[in-house]
Amino acid sequence: MGRLTWESIPEKYQPLKNRLNIIISSRMKSDDDSNKGGYLIYPSLEKAIQDLEIDLQIFRIFIIGGSKLYEEAINSTSCKYILLTKIYKEFKCDRFFPQIDENVYSLVDHLELEKFVGETVPQGKQLDSDIEYEFLMYKRIK
C-alpha cells in the first residue's frame, strides 16, 4: 500500500492483521518500529516485489491502494492478475482505480476467479444497502 493509504488506516488497526504489510513510500524510512510492528517500508514497488519474491519467497502480492500504486502495479509486467470489486454507484471522490487496458488484461470467467482465490465467491452483481457491486478477475494476456 502507499503511504497515504497506510495513514488512512486508524492506528488501532495498523498493521492489518494476518498479513505482511508493505508500505511503498519515498518519504517514510524503515525503523525499528516497522520491523517489530508487522510492516516493512520500501522506496519503490519494484524493490518490494524483488525482495518479497527473492528473499522471502512470497509470490502472491496484493496491492490495496492508493491510486498511483494501482497504476504502477497494473502497468508492471509483474502483475499477472487483477482482483477487482466493481462498484456500480457514483461517489464524490477525487481518486479512481486506473482504466484496465483490455489489450493487456482479459476478464476471466467466475470459476477461474474461485479457483484462484481458493474459495466460493458470490457470482454476479451483489447488493449491500443501496450499493451494487461485483467481484471480477482479470488476467494478463500480454
C-alpha atoms as a PDB file:
ATOM      1  CA  MET A   1       0.000   0.000   0.000  1.00  0.00           C
ATOM      2  CA  GLY A   2       1.068   3.555  -0.485  1.00  0.00           C
ATOM      3  CA  ARG A   3       1.894   5.894   2.387  1.00  0.00           C
ATOM      4  CA  LEU A   4      -1.412   7.774   2.197  1.00  0.00           C
ATOM      5  CA  THR A   5      -3.368   4.512   2.300  1.00  0.00           C
ATOM      6  CA  TRP A   6      -1.336   3.445   5.356  1.00  0.00           C
ATOM      7  CA  GLU A   7      -2.002   6.777   7.052  1.00  0.00           C
ATOM      8  CA  SER A   8      -5.736   6.477   6.317  1.00  0.00           C
ATOM      9  CA  ILE A   9      -5.952   3.283   8.403  1.00  0.00           C
ATOM     10  CA  PRO A  10      -6.759   4.088  12.054  1.00  0.00           C
ATOM     11  CA  GLU A  11      -3.737   3.367  14.260  1.00  0.00           C
ATOM     12  CA  LYS A  12      -5.611   0.731  16.253  1.00  0.00           C
ATOM     13  CA  TYR A  13      -5.908  -1.320  13.021  1.00  0.00           C
ATOM     14  CA  GLN A  14      -2.272  -0.872  11.963  1.00  0.00           C
ATOM     15  CA  PRO A  15      -0.827  -3.087  10.739  1.00  0.00           C
ATOM     16  CA  LEU A  16      -3.619  -5.009   9.038  1.00  0.00           C
ATOM     17  CA  LYS A  17      -3.882  -8.416  10.700  1.00  0.00           C
ATOM     18  CA  ASN A  18      -2.853 -11.814   9.298  1.00  0.00           C
ATOM     19  CA  ARG A  19      -0.645 -10.478   6.516  1.00  0.00           C
ATOM     20  CA  LEU A  20       2.677  -8.806   5.959  1.00  0.00           C
ATOM     21  CA  ASN A  21       2.013  -5.111   5.384  1.00  0.00           C
ATOM     22  CA  ILE A  22       4.296  -3.420   2.854  1.00  0.00           C
ATOM     23  CA  ILE A  23       4.287   0.356   2.590  1.00  0.00           C
ATOM     24  CA  ILE A  24       5.678   1.929  -0.573  1.00  0.00           C
ATOM     25  CA  SER A  25       6.967   5.401   0.204  1.00  0.00           C
ATOM     26  CA  SER A  26       9.851   7.636  -0.740  1.00  0.00           C
ATOM     27  CA  ARG A  27       9.165   9.733   2.396  1.00  0.00           C
ATOM     28  CA  MET A  28       8.908   7.088   5.110  1.00  0.00           C
ATOM     29  CA  LYS A  29      12.017   5.229   6.219  1.00  0.00           C
ATOM     30  CA  SER A  30      12.393   1.809   7.821  1.00  0.00           C
ATOM     31  CA  ASP A  31      12.993   1.931  11.537  1.00  0.00           C
ATOM     32  CA  ASP A  32      12.968  -0.421  14.491  1.00  0.00           C
ATOM     33  CA  ASP A  33       9.217   0.072  14.965  1.00  0.00           C
ATOM     34  CA  SER A  34       8.440  -1.127  11.443  1.00  0.00           C
ATOM     35  CA  ASN A  35      10.457  -4.318  11.924  1.00  0.00           C
ATOM     36  CA  LYS A  36       8.650  -5.086  15.195  1.00  0.00           C
ATOM     37  CA  GLY A  37       5.277  -3.843  14.021  1.00  0.00           C
ATOM     38  CA  GLY A  38       4.418  -6.282  11.225  1.00  0.00           C
ATOM     39  CA  TYR A  39       5.135  -3.959   8.332  1.00  0.00           C
ATOM     40  CA  LEU A  40       8.029  -3.156   6.035  1.00  0.00           C
ATOM     41  CA  ILE A  41       8.771   0.049   4.147  1.00  0.00           C
ATOM     42  CA  TYR A  42      10.174   0.100   0.617  1.00  0.00           C
ATOM     43  CA  PRO A  43      11.078   3.075  -1.570  1.00  0.00           C
ATOM     44  CA  SER A  44       9.535   1.504  -4.693  1.00  0.00           C
ATOM     45  CA  LEU A  45       7.117  -1.196  -5.775  1.00  0.00           C
ATOM     46  CA  GLU A  46       9.818  -2.774  -7.934  1.00  0.00           C
ATOM     47  CA  LYS A  47      12.203  -3.134  -4.973  1.00  0.00           C
ATOM     48  CA  ALA A  48       9.440  -4.544  -2.763  1.00  0.00           C
ATOM     49  CA  ILE A  49       8.462  -7.169  -5.352  1.00  0.00           C
ATOM     50  CA  GLN A  50      12.097  -8.129  -5.897  1.00  0.00           C
ATOM     51  CA  ASP A  51      12.770  -8.592  -2.171  1.00  0.00           C
ATOM     52  CA  LEU A  52       9.497 -10.387  -1.478  1.00  0.00           C
ATOM     53  CA  GLU A  53       9.960 -12.879  -4.306  1.00  0.00           C
ATOM     54  CA  ILE A  54      13.702 -13.494  -3.965  1.00  0.00           C
ATOM     55  CA  ASP A  55      14.375 -13.120  -0.236  1.00  0.00           C
ATOM     56  CA  LEU A  56      11.057 -14.124   1.322  1.00  0.00           C
ATOM     57  CA  GLN A  57       9.728 -16.465  -1.401  1.00  0.00           C
ATOM     58  CA  ILE A  58       6.379 -14.637  -1.453  1.00  0.00           C
ATOM     59  CA  PHE A  59       4.768 -14.828  -4.876  1.00  0.00           C
ATOM     60  CA  ARG A  60       1.196 -13.632  -4.257  1.00  0.00           C
ATOM     61  CA  ILE A  61       1.189  -9.920  -3.507  1.00  0.00           C
ATOM     62  CA  PHE A  62      -1.955  -7.813  -3.123  1.00  0.00           C
ATOM     63  CA  ILE A  63      -1.948  -4.070  -3.780  1.00  0.00           C
ATOM     64  CA  ILE A  64      -4.581  -2.248  -1.720  1.00  0.00           C
ATOM     65  CA  GLY A  65      -4.014   1.342  -2.819  1.00  0.00           C
ATOM     66  CA  GLY A  66      -3.608   4.165  -3.449  1.00  0.00           C
ATOM     67  CA  SER A  67      -4.336   5.216  -6.979  1.00  0.00           C
ATOM     68  CA  LYS A  68      -0.711   5.874  -8.011  1.00  0.00           C
ATOM     69  CA  LEU A  69       0.367   2.475  -6.724  1.00  0.00           C
ATOM     70  CA  TYR A  70      -2.533   0.753  -8.510  1.00  0.00           C
ATOM     71  CA  GLU A  71      -1.471   2.372 -11.764  1.00  0.00           C
ATOM     72  CA  GLU A  72       2.175   1.427 -11.289  1.00  0.00           C
ATOM     73  CA  ALA A  73       1.212  -2.143 -10.416  1.00  0.00           C
ATOM     74  CA  ILE A  74      -1.130  -2.823 -13.338  1.00  0.00           C
ATOM     75  CA  ASN A  75       1.440  -1.373 -15.748  1.00  0.00           C
ATOM     76  CA  SER A  76       4.139  -3.673 -14.355  1.00  0.00           C
ATOM     77  CA  THR A  77       4.731  -6.990 -16.109  1.00  0.00           C
ATOM     78  CA  SER A  78       4.958  -8.497 -12.604  1.00  0.00           C
ATOM     79  CA  CYS A  79       1.192  -8.037 -12.315  1.00  0.00           C
ATOM     80  CA  LYS A  80      -0.424 -11.191 -13.686  1.00  0.00           C
ATOM     81  CA  TYR A  81      -3.936 -10.806 -12.230  1.00  0.00           C
ATOM     82  CA  ILE A  82      -6.257  -8.046 -11.091  1.00  0.00           C
ATOM     83  CA  LEU A  83      -8.842  -8.910  -8.437  1.00  0.00           C
ATOM     84  CA  LEU A  84     -11.397  -6.140  -8.614  1.00  0.00           C
ATOM     85  CA  THR A  85     -14.550  -5.281  -6.735  1.00  0.00           C
ATOM     86  CA  LYS A  86     -16.501  -3.221  -9.245  1.00  0.00           C
ATOM     87  CA  ILE A  87     -18.916  -0.820  -7.568  1.00  0.00           C
ATOM     88  CA  TYR A  88     -21.920   0.278  -9.602  1.00  0.00           C
ATOM     89  CA  LYS A  89     -22.526   3.604  -7.907  1.00  0.00           C
ATOM     90  CA  GLU A  90     -21.095   7.069  -8.324  1.00  0.00           C
ATOM     91  CA  PHE A  91     -19.373   8.634  -5.327  1.00  0.00           C
ATOM     92  CA  LYS A  92     -17.998  12.105  -4.859  1.00  0.00           C
ATOM     93  CA  CYS A  93     -14.248  11.479  -4.769  1.00  0.00           C
ATOM     94  CA  ASP A  94     -11.015  12.561  -6.391  1.00  0.00           C
ATOM     95  CA  ARG A  95      -9.185   9.222  -6.742  1.00  0.00           C
ATOM     96  CA  PHE A  96     -10.134   6.351  -9.016  1.00  0.00           C
ATOM     97  CA  PHE A  97      -8.826   2.947  -9.994  1.00  0.00           C
ATOM     98  CA  PRO A  98      -6.991   3.269 -13.326  1.00  0.00           C
ATOM     99  CA  GLN A  99      -8.565   2.139 -16.573  1.00  0.00           C
ATOM    100  CA  ILE A 100      -7.800  -1.523 -17.319  1.00  0.00           C
ATOM    101  CA  ASP A 101      -6.334  -1.946 -20.796  1.00  0.00           C
ATOM    102  CA  GLU A 102      -8.293  -4.807 -22.376  1.00  0.00           C
ATOM    103  CA  ASN A 103      -5.445  -5.321 -24.847  1.00  0.00           C
ATOM    104  CA  VAL A 104      -3.273  -6.289 -21.857  1.00  0.00           C
ATOM    105  CA  TYR A 105      -5.798  -7.896 -19.468  1.00  0.00           C
ATOM    106  CA  SER A 106      -8.758 -10.140 -20.180  1.00  0.00           C
ATOM    107  CA  LEU A 107     -11.772 -10.676 -17.922  1.00  0.00           C
ATOM    108  CA  VAL A 108     -11.837 -14.331 -16.810  1.00  0.00           C
ATOM    109  CA  ASP A 109     -14.855 -16.458 -16.001  1.00  0.00           C
ATOM    110  CA  HIS A 110     -16.149 -16.846 -12.473  1.00  0.00           C
ATOM    111  CA  LEU A 111     -14.848 -20.401 -11.999  1.00  0.00           C
ATOM    112  CA  GLU A 112     -11.289 -19.240 -12.692  1.00  0.00           C
ATOM    113  CA  LEU A 113     -11.728 -16.497 -10.069  1.00  0.00           C
ATOM    114  CA  GLU A 114     -12.896 -19.043  -7.473  1.00  0.00           C
ATOM    115  CA  LYS A 115     -10.045 -21.402  -8.329  1.00  0.00           C
ATOM    116  CA  PHE A 116      -7.536 -18.564  -7.948  1.00  0.00           C
ATOM    117  CA  VAL A 117      -8.792 -17.430  -4.525  1.00  0.00           C
ATOM    118  CA  GLY A 118      -9.493 -20.968  -3.318  1.00  0.00           C
ATOM    119  CA  GLU A 119     -12.986 -20.340  -2.022  1.00  0.00           C
ATOM    120  CA  THR A 120     -16.557 -19.678  -3.098  1.00  0.00           C
ATOM    121  CA  VAL A 121     -17.114 -16.145  -4.380  1.00  0.00           C
ATOM    122  CA  PRO A 122     -20.598 -14.677  -4.873  1.00  0.00           C
ATOM    123  CA  GLN A 123     -21.328 -14.533  -8.602  1.00  0.00           C
ATOM    124  CA  GLY A 124     -22.848 -11.607 -10.456  1.00  0.00           C
ATOM    125  CA  LYS A 125     -23.985  -8.298  -9.042  1.00  0.00           C
ATOM    126  CA  GLN A 126     -24.463  -8.215  -5.278  1.00  0.00           C
ATOM    127  CA  LEU A 127     -26.439  -5.683  -3.262  1.00  0.00           C
ATOM    128  CA  ASP A 128     -25.485  -4.201   0.111  1.00  0.00           C
ATOM    129  CA  SER A 129     -27.913  -1.489   1.232  1.00  0.00           C
ATOM    130  CA  ASP A 130     -28.253   0.558  -1.954  1.00  0.00           C
ATOM    131  CA  ILE A 131     -24.828  -0.302  -3.379  1.00  0.00           C
ATOM    132  CA  GLU A 132     -24.459  -2.828  -6.183  1.00  0.00           C
ATOM    133  CA  TYR A 133     -21.048  -4.438  -6.626  1.00  0.00           C
ATOM    134  CA  GLU A 134     -19.431  -7.400  -8.349  1.00  0.00           C
ATOM    135  CA  PHE A 135     -16.249  -9.440  -7.843  1.00  0.00           C
ATOM    136  CA  LEU A 136     -14.178  -9.712 -11.027  1.00  0.00           C
ATOM    137  CA  MET A 137     -10.778 -11.023 -12.045  1.00  0.00           C
ATOM    138  CA  TYR A 138      -8.636 -10.021 -14.996  1.00  0.00           C
ATOM    139  CA  LYS A 139      -5.661 -12.000 -16.281  1.00  0.00           C
ATOM    140  CA  ARG A 140      -2.665 -10.527 -18.110  1.00  0.00           C
ATOM    141  CA  ILE A 141      -2.608 -11.680 -21.733  1.00  0.00           C
ATOM    142  CA  LYS A 142       0.382  -9.592 -22.926  1.00  0.00           C
END
